[in-house]
Amino acid sequence: MVVRQETHPAAGAPAEPPAFREAVAGLRRARMRPEVLLEPMPAPQRIAPYAAAVSADVTVDDVDVATGRIILLHDPAGNDAWEGTFRCVAYVRAEIEVELVTDAMLSAVGWSWLTEALAAHGAEHVAASGTVTRVATESFGGMSEESGTAQIEIRASWTPVHPEGVELTPDTTPHVEAWGELMCTAAGLPPVPEGVAVMPSRRGQRGR
């Protein structure tokens, strides 16, 4: 996986702290399902001194059924709101059945997809927060013959932590893998059977 990094430290600060380099290396080790196609993307430049980012599409039969991005932020000085020095910021959008938009439980279920994916991958974290949005689109006039569409959008952030202490660099690999699982779950893909190996995703090879 190629991960785009952005650094803009203060004058005299090291370009990339070892902890940040180690965390970015964890992003690159993530293994995704073959339906998840990863691409590097520019990281935001003003949220934190150091950042790395990757985007992804979930493609089934040459159709994109979900898309998303995950950004790793690092502030060596710490951030009270984060409760740590690292922060994962994730976004997922997936197509869903139009009938599901009116399901009162959909938002809570969508959030549970994230928390369950993090737990399943052993992604230790604190201070999780986010939103789940349901969007329905209907067509009128000259476009009235087009079928309605619906999407679910999940925006979330959490602080990855090392289980042995905040002074240690967290392993970011399970966090990226949990985000990948979240995209697939939101898109309605069945879980990977237990015992089936998931290979590293090769990106930039869409073939179309």
N, C-alpha and C. Protein backbone atom coordinates (compact mmCIF):
# COMPACT_ATOMS: atom_id res chain seq x y z
N MET A 1 0.85 -1.18 0.00
CA MET A 1 0.00 0.00 0.00
C MET A 1 0.88 1.24 0.00
N VAL A 2 0.58 2.18 -0.87
CA VAL A 2 1.28 3.46 -0.88
C VAL A 2 0.47 4.42 -0.02
N VAL A 3 1.11 5.08 0.92
CA VAL A 3 0.44 6.01 1.81
C VAL A 3 1.02 7.40 1.60
N ARG A 4 0.15 8.36 1.30
CA ARG A 4 0.60 9.74 1.11
C ARG A 4 0.80 10.39 2.48
N GLN A 5 1.95 10.98 2.68
CA GLN A 5 2.28 11.63 3.95
C GLN A 5 2.40 13.13 3.76
N GLU A 6 1.99 13.87 4.77
CA GLU A 6 2.15 15.32 4.78
C GLU A 6 2.78 15.71 6.11
N THR A 7 3.84 16.49 6.06
CA THR A 7 4.45 16.98 7.29
C THR A 7 4.68 18.47 7.16
N HIS A 8 4.41 19.19 8.21
CA HIS A 8 4.67 20.63 8.23
C HIS A 8 5.06 21.04 9.63
N PRO A 9 6.19 20.50 10.14
CA PRO A 9 6.60 20.79 11.51
C PRO A 9 7.09 22.22 11.67
N ALA A 10 7.15 22.67 12.92
CA ALA A 10 7.68 23.98 13.20
C ALA A 10 9.17 24.02 12.88
N ALA A 11 9.70 25.22 12.74
CA ALA A 11 11.11 25.39 12.39
C ALA A 11 11.99 24.69 13.42
N GLY A 12 12.94 23.91 12.93
CA GLY A 12 13.86 23.22 13.80
C GLY A 12 13.39 21.86 14.27
N ALA A 13 12.12 21.51 13.98
CA ALA A 13 11.60 20.21 14.40
C ALA A 13 12.00 19.16 13.37
N PRO A 14 12.14 17.90 13.78
CA PRO A 14 12.47 16.85 12.82
C PRO A 14 11.36 16.67 11.82
N ALA A 15 11.72 16.35 10.56
CA ALA A 15 10.73 16.23 9.50
C ALA A 15 9.70 15.14 9.82
N GLU A 16 10.16 14.02 10.30
CA GLU A 16 9.26 12.91 10.63
C GLU A 16 9.73 12.24 11.91
N PRO A 17 9.02 12.40 13.00
CA PRO A 17 9.41 11.71 14.24
C PRO A 17 9.38 10.20 14.04
N PRO A 18 10.25 9.48 14.72
CA PRO A 18 10.25 8.01 14.60
C PRO A 18 8.88 7.39 14.89
N ALA A 19 8.15 7.93 15.85
CA ALA A 19 6.84 7.37 16.18
C ALA A 19 5.88 7.49 14.99
N PHE A 20 5.95 8.61 14.29
CA PHE A 20 5.09 8.81 13.13
C PHE A 20 5.49 7.86 12.01
N ARG A 21 6.78 7.72 11.76
CA ARG A 21 7.24 6.79 10.72
C ARG A 21 6.79 5.36 11.03
N GLU A 22 6.88 4.99 12.31
CA GLU A 22 6.47 3.65 12.71
C GLU A 22 4.97 3.46 12.50
N ALA A 23 4.19 4.48 12.83
CA ALA A 23 2.74 4.38 12.67
C ALA A 23 2.35 4.30 11.20
N VAL A 24 3.03 5.06 10.34
CA VAL A 24 2.75 5.01 8.90
C VAL A 24 3.12 3.64 8.34
N ALA A 25 4.21 3.07 8.83
CA ALA A 25 4.59 1.72 8.40
C ALA A 25 3.47 0.73 8.73
N GLY A 26 2.80 0.95 9.85
CA GLY A 26 1.68 0.09 10.21
C GLY A 26 0.54 0.20 9.21
N LEU A 27 0.30 1.40 8.69
CA LEU A 27 -0.73 1.56 7.65
C LEU A 27 -0.40 0.72 6.43
N ARG A 28 0.86 0.70 6.06
CA ARG A 28 1.27 -0.02 4.85
C ARG A 28 1.15 -1.53 5.01
N ARG A 29 1.19 -2.02 6.24
CA ARG A 29 1.11 -3.47 6.46
C ARG A 29 -0.31 -4.00 6.42
N ALA A 30 -1.30 -3.13 6.35
CA ALA A 30 -2.70 -3.57 6.41
C ALA A 30 -3.03 -4.50 5.26
N ARG A 31 -3.79 -5.54 5.59
CA ARG A 31 -4.26 -6.50 4.60
C ARG A 31 -5.76 -6.31 4.39
N MET A 32 -6.16 -6.20 3.14
CA MET A 32 -7.55 -5.95 2.80
C MET A 32 -8.12 -7.08 1.94
N ARG A 33 -9.43 -7.17 1.93
CA ARG A 33 -10.10 -8.07 1.01
C ARG A 33 -9.82 -7.64 -0.42
N PRO A 34 -9.89 -8.58 -1.38
CA PRO A 34 -9.60 -8.20 -2.78
C PRO A 34 -10.57 -7.18 -3.35
N GLU A 35 -11.77 -7.06 -2.75
CA GLU A 35 -12.73 -6.07 -3.24
C GLU A 35 -12.35 -4.64 -2.86
N VAL A 36 -11.44 -4.49 -1.90
CA VAL A 36 -11.05 -3.17 -1.41
C VAL A 36 -9.82 -2.71 -2.19
N LEU A 37 -9.99 -1.64 -2.96
CA LEU A 37 -8.95 -1.13 -3.82
C LEU A 37 -8.44 0.20 -3.27
N LEU A 38 -7.19 0.22 -2.85
CA LEU A 38 -6.62 1.37 -2.14
C LEU A 38 -5.84 2.30 -3.06
N GLU A 39 -5.86 3.58 -2.74
CA GLU A 39 -5.08 4.58 -3.46
C GLU A 39 -4.54 5.60 -2.46
N PRO A 40 -3.35 6.13 -2.72
CA PRO A 40 -2.86 7.22 -1.86
C PRO A 40 -3.67 8.48 -2.10
N MET A 41 -3.76 9.32 -1.10
CA MET A 41 -4.45 10.60 -1.24
C MET A 41 -3.73 11.64 -0.41
N PRO A 42 -3.83 12.91 -0.78
CA PRO A 42 -3.19 13.96 0.02
C PRO A 42 -3.78 14.00 1.42
N ALA A 43 -2.93 14.18 2.39
CA ALA A 43 -3.39 14.30 3.78
C ALA A 43 -3.65 15.76 4.10
N PRO A 44 -4.56 16.05 5.02
CA PRO A 44 -4.82 17.45 5.41
C PRO A 44 -3.57 18.06 6.03
N GLN A 45 -3.40 19.35 5.83
CA GLN A 45 -2.16 20.01 6.23
C GLN A 45 -2.29 20.88 7.48
N ARG A 46 -3.49 21.12 7.96
CA ARG A 46 -3.63 22.07 9.05
C ARG A 46 -4.23 21.49 10.33
N ILE A 47 -4.60 20.22 10.31
CA ILE A 47 -5.24 19.64 11.48
C ILE A 47 -4.20 19.24 12.53
N ALA A 48 -3.07 18.72 12.06
CA ALA A 48 -2.02 18.24 12.97
C ALA A 48 -0.67 18.43 12.29
N PRO A 49 0.42 18.45 13.06
CA PRO A 49 1.74 18.63 12.45
C PRO A 49 2.12 17.56 11.45
N TYR A 50 1.64 16.34 11.64
CA TYR A 50 1.99 15.23 10.76
C TYR A 50 0.73 14.46 10.41
N ALA A 51 0.64 14.03 9.16
CA ALA A 51 -0.55 13.31 8.72
C ALA A 51 -0.23 12.40 7.55
N ALA A 52 -0.95 11.31 7.46
CA ALA A 52 -0.86 10.38 6.33
C ALA A 52 -2.27 9.92 6.01
N ALA A 53 -2.51 9.62 4.74
CA ALA A 53 -3.89 9.30 4.35
C ALA A 53 -3.92 8.29 3.22
N VAL A 54 -5.03 7.57 3.15
CA VAL A 54 -5.29 6.63 2.06
C VAL A 54 -6.79 6.62 1.81
N SER A 55 -7.18 6.43 0.56
CA SER A 55 -8.59 6.29 0.21
C SER A 55 -8.83 4.91 -0.37
N ALA A 56 -10.10 4.53 -0.49
CA ALA A 56 -10.40 3.20 -1.00
C ALA A 56 -11.77 3.17 -1.62
N ASP A 57 -11.96 2.26 -2.57
CA ASP A 57 -13.26 1.91 -3.11
C ASP A 57 -13.46 0.42 -2.89
N VAL A 58 -14.70 0.04 -2.64
CA VAL A 58 -15.06 -1.37 -2.60
C VAL A 58 -15.76 -1.67 -3.92
N THR A 59 -15.18 -2.55 -4.72
CA THR A 59 -15.66 -2.82 -6.07
C THR A 59 -16.10 -4.27 -6.20
N VAL A 60 -17.33 -4.45 -6.67
CA VAL A 60 -17.89 -5.79 -6.91
C VAL A 60 -18.40 -5.84 -8.34
N ASP A 61 -17.88 -6.77 -9.12
CA ASP A 61 -18.28 -6.90 -10.54
C ASP A 61 -18.13 -5.57 -11.27
N ASP A 62 -16.99 -4.91 -11.05
CA ASP A 62 -16.65 -3.64 -11.70
C ASP A 62 -17.57 -2.48 -11.31
N VAL A 63 -18.32 -2.64 -10.24
CA VAL A 63 -19.18 -1.57 -9.75
C VAL A 63 -18.70 -1.15 -8.37
N ASP A 64 -18.49 0.15 -8.18
CA ASP A 64 -18.10 0.66 -6.87
C ASP A 64 -19.33 0.71 -5.96
N VAL A 65 -19.29 -0.07 -4.88
CA VAL A 65 -20.44 -0.13 -3.97
C VAL A 65 -20.19 0.63 -2.67
N ALA A 66 -18.95 1.02 -2.44
CA ALA A 66 -18.63 1.81 -1.25
C ALA A 66 -17.32 2.54 -1.50
N THR A 67 -17.15 3.63 -0.79
CA THR A 67 -15.91 4.40 -0.88
C THR A 67 -15.58 4.94 0.50
N GLY A 68 -14.33 5.29 0.70
CA GLY A 68 -13.96 5.80 2.01
C GLY A 68 -12.54 6.32 2.04
N ARG A 69 -12.18 6.86 3.18
CA ARG A 69 -10.81 7.33 3.39
C ARG A 69 -10.49 7.23 4.88
N ILE A 70 -9.21 7.08 5.18
CA ILE A 70 -8.77 7.10 6.57
C ILE A 70 -7.52 7.94 6.65
N ILE A 71 -7.49 8.80 7.65
CA ILE A 71 -6.38 9.74 7.84
C ILE A 71 -5.76 9.47 9.22
N LEU A 72 -4.46 9.38 9.26
CA LEU A 72 -3.74 9.25 10.52
C LEU A 72 -3.10 10.58 10.85
N LEU A 73 -3.47 11.14 12.00
CA LEU A 73 -2.91 12.41 12.47
C LEU A 73 -1.96 12.17 13.63
N HIS A 74 -0.93 13.01 13.73
CA HIS A 74 0.02 12.88 14.83
C HIS A 74 0.45 14.25 15.31
N ASP A 75 0.30 14.47 16.60
CA ASP A 75 0.78 15.69 17.25
C ASP A 75 1.65 15.26 18.42
N PRO A 76 2.98 15.36 18.29
CA PRO A 76 3.87 14.90 19.36
C PRO A 76 3.61 15.57 20.70
N ALA A 77 3.04 16.78 20.68
CA ALA A 77 2.76 17.49 21.92
C ALA A 77 1.50 16.98 22.61
N GLY A 78 0.76 16.15 21.94
CA GLY A 78 -0.47 15.63 22.51
C GLY A 78 -1.64 16.56 22.25
N ASN A 79 -2.83 16.00 22.41
CA ASN A 79 -4.06 16.77 22.19
C ASN A 79 -5.08 16.31 23.22
N ASP A 80 -5.55 17.23 24.04
CA ASP A 80 -6.47 16.85 25.12
C ASP A 80 -7.73 16.20 24.58
N ALA A 81 -8.25 16.69 23.45
CA ALA A 81 -9.47 16.12 22.89
C ALA A 81 -9.25 14.70 22.38
N TRP A 82 -8.02 14.43 21.91
CA TRP A 82 -7.71 13.09 21.42
C TRP A 82 -7.44 12.11 22.56
N GLU A 83 -6.96 12.63 23.69
CA GLU A 83 -6.47 11.79 24.79
C GLU A 83 -5.25 10.99 24.36
N GLY A 84 -4.42 11.60 23.53
CA GLY A 84 -3.22 10.92 23.04
C GLY A 84 -2.52 11.78 22.01
N THR A 85 -1.55 11.20 21.31
CA THR A 85 -0.79 11.93 20.31
C THR A 85 -1.13 11.53 18.88
N PHE A 86 -1.93 10.49 18.71
CA PHE A 86 -2.36 10.04 17.39
C PHE A 86 -3.89 10.11 17.31
N ARG A 87 -4.40 10.21 16.09
CA ARG A 87 -5.84 10.19 15.89
C ARG A 87 -6.14 9.61 14.51
N CYS A 88 -7.08 8.68 14.44
CA CYS A 88 -7.57 8.16 13.18
C CYS A 88 -8.88 8.87 12.85
N VAL A 89 -8.99 9.35 11.63
CA VAL A 89 -10.22 10.00 11.15
C VAL A 89 -10.68 9.25 9.91
N ALA A 90 -11.88 8.70 9.95
CA ALA A 90 -12.34 7.81 8.88
C ALA A 90 -13.67 8.27 8.32
N TYR A 91 -13.87 7.95 7.05
CA TYR A 91 -15.13 8.25 6.37
C TYR A 91 -15.47 7.06 5.49
N VAL A 92 -16.76 6.69 5.48
CA VAL A 92 -17.25 5.60 4.64
C VAL A 92 -18.60 6.01 4.06
N ARG A 93 -18.78 5.77 2.77
CA ARG A 93 -20.09 5.95 2.14
C ARG A 93 -20.40 4.71 1.33
N ALA A 94 -21.60 4.17 1.50
CA ALA A 94 -21.97 2.94 0.80
C ALA A 94 -23.41 3.03 0.30
N GLU A 95 -23.65 2.37 -0.82
CA GLU A 95 -25.01 2.27 -1.35
C GLU A 95 -25.80 1.28 -0.50
N ILE A 96 -27.06 1.61 -0.21
CA ILE A 96 -27.93 0.71 0.53
C ILE A 96 -29.29 0.66 -0.15
N GLU A 97 -30.10 -0.31 0.24
CA GLU A 97 -31.46 -0.39 -0.30
C GLU A 97 -32.26 0.83 0.15
N VAL A 98 -33.07 1.37 -0.75
CA VAL A 98 -33.84 2.58 -0.44
C VAL A 98 -34.73 2.36 0.78
N GLU A 99 -35.29 1.15 0.92
CA GLU A 99 -36.19 0.88 2.03
C GLU A 99 -35.52 1.00 3.38
N LEU A 100 -34.20 0.83 3.43
CA LEU A 100 -33.49 0.86 4.70
C LEU A 100 -33.38 2.27 5.28
N VAL A 101 -33.54 3.29 4.46
CA VAL A 101 -33.38 4.67 4.93
C VAL A 101 -34.35 4.99 6.05
N THR A 102 -35.54 4.40 6.01
CA THR A 102 -36.56 4.70 7.02
C THR A 102 -36.44 3.83 8.27
N ASP A 103 -35.47 2.93 8.30
CA ASP A 103 -35.27 2.06 9.46
C ASP A 103 -34.68 2.89 10.60
N ALA A 104 -35.43 3.01 11.68
CA ALA A 104 -34.99 3.84 12.81
C ALA A 104 -33.70 3.32 13.45
N MET A 105 -33.40 2.05 13.26
CA MET A 105 -32.22 1.46 13.89
C MET A 105 -30.98 1.54 13.02
N LEU A 106 -31.12 2.01 11.78
CA LEU A 106 -29.99 1.94 10.85
C LEU A 106 -28.78 2.71 11.35
N SER A 107 -28.99 3.91 11.89
CA SER A 107 -27.85 4.70 12.35
C SER A 107 -27.09 4.00 13.47
N ALA A 108 -27.83 3.46 14.45
CA ALA A 108 -27.17 2.75 15.55
C ALA A 108 -26.46 1.51 15.04
N VAL A 109 -27.08 0.82 14.09
CA VAL A 109 -26.44 -0.37 13.52
C VAL A 109 -25.17 0.03 12.77
N GLY A 110 -25.23 1.13 12.01
CA GLY A 110 -24.06 1.60 11.29
C GLY A 110 -22.89 1.91 12.21
N TRP A 111 -23.18 2.52 13.36
CA TRP A 111 -22.11 2.79 14.32
C TRP A 111 -21.57 1.50 14.92
N SER A 112 -22.44 0.54 15.15
CA SER A 112 -22.00 -0.74 15.71
C SER A 112 -21.07 -1.48 14.73
N TRP A 113 -21.26 -1.27 13.42
CA TRP A 113 -20.35 -1.89 12.45
C TRP A 113 -18.92 -1.43 12.71
N LEU A 114 -18.75 -0.14 13.04
CA LEU A 114 -17.41 0.37 13.33
C LEU A 114 -16.86 -0.21 14.62
N THR A 115 -17.62 -0.12 15.70
CA THR A 115 -17.11 -0.58 16.99
C THR A 115 -16.83 -2.08 16.98
N GLU A 116 -17.67 -2.84 16.30
CA GLU A 116 -17.45 -4.29 16.22
C GLU A 116 -16.23 -4.62 15.37
N ALA A 117 -16.01 -3.86 14.30
CA ALA A 117 -14.83 -4.09 13.46
C ALA A 117 -13.55 -3.78 14.23
N LEU A 118 -13.55 -2.68 14.98
CA LEU A 118 -12.37 -2.35 15.79
C LEU A 118 -12.10 -3.44 16.83
N ALA A 119 -13.16 -3.92 17.46
CA ALA A 119 -12.99 -4.97 18.47
C ALA A 119 -12.50 -6.27 17.84
N ALA A 120 -13.07 -6.61 16.68
CA ALA A 120 -12.71 -7.87 16.03
C ALA A 120 -11.25 -7.89 15.60
N HIS A 121 -10.70 -6.73 15.25
CA HIS A 121 -9.31 -6.66 14.81
C HIS A 121 -8.35 -6.34 15.94
N GLY A 122 -8.86 -6.23 17.15
CA GLY A 122 -7.99 -5.92 18.28
C GLY A 122 -7.40 -4.53 18.20
N ALA A 123 -8.16 -3.60 17.63
CA ALA A 123 -7.68 -2.23 17.46
C ALA A 123 -7.97 -1.44 18.74
N GLU A 124 -7.01 -1.42 19.64
CA GLU A 124 -7.18 -0.72 20.92
C GLU A 124 -7.34 0.78 20.67
N HIS A 125 -8.33 1.39 21.34
CA HIS A 125 -8.57 2.81 21.09
C HIS A 125 -9.32 3.44 22.26
N VAL A 126 -9.34 4.77 22.27
CA VAL A 126 -10.13 5.54 23.23
C VAL A 126 -10.75 6.72 22.48
N ALA A 127 -11.68 7.40 23.15
CA ALA A 127 -12.26 8.67 22.68
C ALA A 127 -12.85 8.57 21.28
N ALA A 128 -13.61 7.52 21.02
CA ALA A 128 -14.26 7.40 19.72
C ALA A 128 -15.47 8.33 19.64
N SER A 129 -15.66 8.92 18.48
CA SER A 129 -16.82 9.77 18.25
C SER A 129 -17.13 9.79 16.77
N GLY A 130 -18.36 10.20 16.43
CA GLY A 130 -18.68 10.26 15.01
C GLY A 130 -20.16 10.41 14.75
N THR A 131 -20.53 10.34 13.48
CA THR A 131 -21.91 10.47 13.05
C THR A 131 -22.23 9.43 12.01
N VAL A 132 -23.51 9.08 11.92
CA VAL A 132 -24.02 8.21 10.86
C VAL A 132 -25.17 8.94 10.19
N THR A 133 -25.06 9.10 8.87
CA THR A 133 -26.06 9.84 8.10
C THR A 133 -26.69 8.95 7.05
N ARG A 134 -28.01 9.05 6.92
CA ARG A 134 -28.74 8.32 5.88
C ARG A 134 -29.20 9.33 4.83
N VAL A 135 -28.95 9.02 3.58
CA VAL A 135 -29.27 9.94 2.49
C VAL A 135 -30.12 9.21 1.45
N ALA A 136 -31.25 9.78 1.09
CA ALA A 136 -32.11 9.22 0.04
C ALA A 136 -32.25 10.24 -1.08
N THR A 137 -32.20 9.77 -2.33
CA THR A 137 -32.31 10.64 -3.49
C THR A 137 -33.46 10.17 -4.38
N GLU A 138 -34.36 11.09 -4.72
CA GLU A 138 -35.46 10.81 -5.64
C GLU A 138 -35.35 11.73 -6.84
N SER A 139 -35.80 11.25 -8.01
CA SER A 139 -35.70 12.01 -9.25
C SER A 139 -37.08 12.47 -9.70
N PHE A 140 -37.12 13.66 -10.32
CA PHE A 140 -38.39 14.24 -10.75
C PHE A 140 -38.24 14.82 -12.15
N GLY A 141 -39.38 15.21 -12.74
CA GLY A 141 -39.38 15.84 -14.05
C GLY A 141 -38.81 14.92 -15.11
N GLY A 142 -37.87 15.45 -15.88
CA GLY A 142 -37.28 14.67 -16.96
C GLY A 142 -36.47 13.48 -16.48
N MET A 143 -36.18 13.44 -15.18
CA MET A 143 -35.42 12.31 -14.62
C MET A 143 -36.30 11.39 -13.79
N SER A 144 -37.61 11.56 -13.87
CA SER A 144 -38.53 10.82 -13.00
C SER A 144 -38.50 9.32 -13.21
N GLU A 145 -38.03 8.87 -14.37
CA GLU A 145 -37.98 7.43 -14.63
C GLU A 145 -36.80 6.75 -13.94
N GLU A 146 -35.86 7.55 -13.45
CA GLU A 146 -34.71 6.96 -12.77
C GLU A 146 -35.11 6.50 -11.37
N SER A 147 -34.59 5.36 -10.99
CA SER A 147 -34.90 4.80 -9.68
C SER A 147 -34.25 5.62 -8.57
N GLY A 148 -34.90 5.65 -7.41
CA GLY A 148 -34.32 6.32 -6.27
C GLY A 148 -33.09 5.59 -5.76
N THR A 149 -32.23 6.31 -5.10
CA THR A 149 -31.02 5.72 -4.54
C THR A 149 -30.90 6.11 -3.08
N ALA A 150 -30.10 5.36 -2.34
CA ALA A 150 -29.89 5.66 -0.93
C ALA A 150 -28.46 5.29 -0.54
N GLN A 151 -27.91 6.06 0.39
CA GLN A 151 -26.56 5.80 0.88
C GLN A 151 -26.52 5.96 2.40
N ILE A 152 -25.55 5.30 2.99
CA ILE A 152 -25.24 5.53 4.39
C ILE A 152 -23.84 6.11 4.44
N GLU A 153 -23.66 7.14 5.26
CA GLU A 153 -22.36 7.78 5.42
C GLU A 153 -21.95 7.70 6.89
N ILE A 154 -20.76 7.20 7.14
CA ILE A 154 -20.24 7.07 8.50
C ILE A 154 -18.98 7.90 8.60
N ARG A 155 -19.00 8.85 9.51
CA ARG A 155 -17.82 9.68 9.82
C ARG A 155 -17.42 9.40 11.26
N ALA A 156 -16.18 9.07 11.46
CA ALA A 156 -15.76 8.68 12.81
C ALA A 156 -14.30 9.05 13.04
N SER A 157 -13.98 9.24 14.30
CA SER A 157 -12.58 9.43 14.69
C SER A 157 -12.36 8.74 16.02
N TRP A 158 -11.16 8.27 16.22
CA TRP A 158 -10.80 7.61 17.47
C TRP A 158 -9.28 7.68 17.65
N THR A 159 -8.85 7.48 18.87
CA THR A 159 -7.43 7.55 19.19
C THR A 159 -6.87 6.14 19.35
N PRO A 160 -5.99 5.72 18.44
CA PRO A 160 -5.36 4.40 18.59
C PRO A 160 -4.37 4.44 19.74
N VAL A 161 -4.36 3.41 20.54
CA VAL A 161 -3.46 3.38 21.69
C VAL A 161 -2.74 2.04 21.74
N HIS A 162 -1.57 2.06 22.35
CA HIS A 162 -0.84 0.82 22.61
C HIS A 162 -1.36 0.25 23.92
N PRO A 163 -1.66 -1.04 23.98
CA PRO A 163 -2.23 -1.60 25.21
C PRO A 163 -1.32 -1.51 26.42
N GLU A 164 -0.02 -1.26 26.20
CA GLU A 164 0.91 -1.21 27.33
C GLU A 164 1.24 0.21 27.77
N GLY A 165 0.61 1.22 27.16
CA GLY A 165 0.85 2.58 27.64
C GLY A 165 0.84 3.61 26.53
N VAL A 166 0.44 4.84 26.88
CA VAL A 166 0.31 5.91 25.89
C VAL A 166 1.66 6.38 25.36
N GLU A 167 2.74 6.06 26.07
CA GLU A 167 4.04 6.52 25.62
C GLU A 167 4.58 5.66 24.48
N LEU A 168 3.94 4.55 24.18
CA LEU A 168 4.36 3.65 23.11
C LEU A 168 3.54 3.91 21.85
N THR A 169 4.17 3.72 20.69
CA THR A 169 3.49 3.95 19.42
C THR A 169 2.46 2.86 19.16
N PRO A 170 1.21 3.24 18.89
CA PRO A 170 0.19 2.22 18.63
C PRO A 170 0.42 1.53 17.29
N ASP A 171 0.01 0.28 17.22
CA ASP A 171 0.06 -0.45 15.96
C ASP A 171 -1.16 -0.02 15.14
N THR A 172 -0.94 0.68 14.04
CA THR A 172 -2.06 1.20 13.25
C THR A 172 -2.64 0.18 12.27
N THR A 173 -1.95 -0.93 12.06
CA THR A 173 -2.43 -1.93 11.09
C THR A 173 -3.85 -2.39 11.37
N PRO A 174 -4.19 -2.84 12.59
CA PRO A 174 -5.56 -3.30 12.82
C PRO A 174 -6.61 -2.21 12.65
N HIS A 175 -6.23 -0.97 12.83
CA HIS A 175 -7.19 0.12 12.68
C HIS A 175 -7.56 0.32 11.21
N VAL A 176 -6.58 0.22 10.33
CA VAL A 176 -6.86 0.33 8.90
C VAL A 176 -7.66 -0.89 8.43
N GLU A 177 -7.31 -2.05 8.94
CA GLU A 177 -8.05 -3.25 8.55
C GLU A 177 -9.49 -3.20 9.05
N ALA A 178 -9.71 -2.63 10.22
CA ALA A 178 -11.08 -2.47 10.73
C ALA A 178 -11.87 -1.51 9.85
N TRP A 179 -11.24 -0.43 9.42
CA TRP A 179 -11.88 0.51 8.50
C TRP A 179 -12.25 -0.18 7.20
N GLY A 180 -11.36 -1.01 6.69
CA GLY A 180 -11.67 -1.77 5.48
C GLY A 180 -12.86 -2.69 5.67
N GLU A 181 -12.91 -3.34 6.83
CA GLU A 181 -14.05 -4.20 7.11
C GLU A 181 -15.34 -3.39 7.22
N LEU A 182 -15.25 -2.21 7.82
CA LEU A 182 -16.43 -1.34 7.92
C LEU A 182 -16.98 -1.02 6.55
N MET A 183 -16.12 -0.69 5.59
CA MET A 183 -16.60 -0.40 4.24
C MET A 183 -17.31 -1.59 3.63
N CYS A 184 -16.74 -2.78 3.80
CA CYS A 184 -17.35 -3.98 3.22
C CYS A 184 -18.68 -4.31 3.88
N THR A 185 -18.76 -4.16 5.19
CA THR A 185 -20.01 -4.41 5.90
C THR A 185 -21.08 -3.43 5.46
N ALA A 186 -20.72 -2.16 5.35
CA ALA A 186 -21.69 -1.14 4.93
C ALA A 186 -22.18 -1.42 3.51
N ALA A 187 -21.33 -1.99 2.68
CA ALA A 187 -21.69 -2.30 1.31
C ALA A 187 -22.49 -3.60 1.20
N GLY A 188 -22.64 -4.32 2.31
CA GLY A 188 -23.43 -5.54 2.30
C GLY A 188 -22.67 -6.79 1.91
N LEU A 189 -21.33 -6.73 1.89
CA LEU A 189 -20.56 -7.93 1.56
C LEU A 189 -20.58 -8.90 2.74
N PRO A 190 -20.67 -10.19 2.47
CA PRO A 190 -20.65 -11.17 3.56
C PRO A 190 -19.27 -11.22 4.20
N PRO A 191 -19.18 -11.60 5.47
CA PRO A 191 -17.87 -11.69 6.14
C PRO A 191 -16.97 -12.71 5.45
N VAL A 192 -15.67 -12.49 5.55
CA VAL A 192 -14.71 -13.47 5.05
C VAL A 192 -14.76 -14.69 5.96
N PRO A 193 -14.93 -15.90 5.40
CA PRO A 193 -15.00 -17.10 6.25
C PRO A 193 -13.76 -17.26 7.11
N GLU A 194 -13.95 -17.72 8.33
CA GLU A 194 -12.83 -17.93 9.25
C GLU A 194 -11.84 -18.90 8.65
N GLY A 195 -10.56 -18.56 8.73
CA GLY A 195 -9.51 -19.41 8.20
C GLY A 195 -9.08 -19.06 6.79
N VAL A 196 -9.83 -18.17 6.12
CA VAL A 196 -9.45 -17.73 4.77
C VAL A 196 -8.50 -16.55 4.88
N ALA A 197 -7.35 -16.65 4.25
CA ALA A 197 -6.34 -15.60 4.34
C ALA A 197 -6.75 -14.39 3.51
N VAL A 198 -6.48 -13.21 4.03
CA VAL A 198 -6.71 -11.95 3.32
C VAL A 198 -5.36 -11.42 2.88
N MET A 199 -5.22 -11.14 1.59
CA MET A 199 -3.93 -10.74 1.04
C MET A 199 -3.78 -9.23 1.06
N PRO A 200 -2.52 -8.75 1.02
CA PRO A 200 -2.31 -7.30 0.93
C PRO A 200 -2.95 -6.77 -0.34
N SER A 201 -3.61 -5.62 -0.23
CA SER A 201 -4.27 -5.02 -1.38
C SER A 201 -3.27 -4.30 -2.26
N ARG A 202 -3.37 -4.52 -3.57
CA ARG A 202 -2.51 -3.81 -4.51
C ARG A 202 -3.33 -2.70 -5.14
N ARG A 203 -2.80 -1.48 -5.09
CA ARG A 203 -3.61 -0.37 -5.50
C ARG A 203 -3.08 0.28 -6.76
N GLY A 204 -3.96 1.02 -7.43
CA GLY A 204 -3.59 1.67 -8.67
C GLY A 204 -3.63 0.73 -9.84
N GLN A 205 -4.32 -0.44 -9.71
CA GLN A 205 -4.40 -1.44 -10.76
C GLN A 205 -5.86 -1.79 -11.02
N ARG A 206 -6.64 -0.81 -11.35
CA ARG A 206 -8.05 -1.04 -11.59
C ARG A 206 -8.29 -1.86 -12.85
N GLY A 207 -7.49 -1.64 -13.84
CA GLY A 207 -7.68 -2.38 -15.08
C GLY A 207 -8.85 -1.86 -15.89
N ARG A 208 -9.29 -0.66 -15.61
CA ARG A 208 -10.37 -0.05 -16.40
C ARG A 208 -10.29 1.47 -16.29
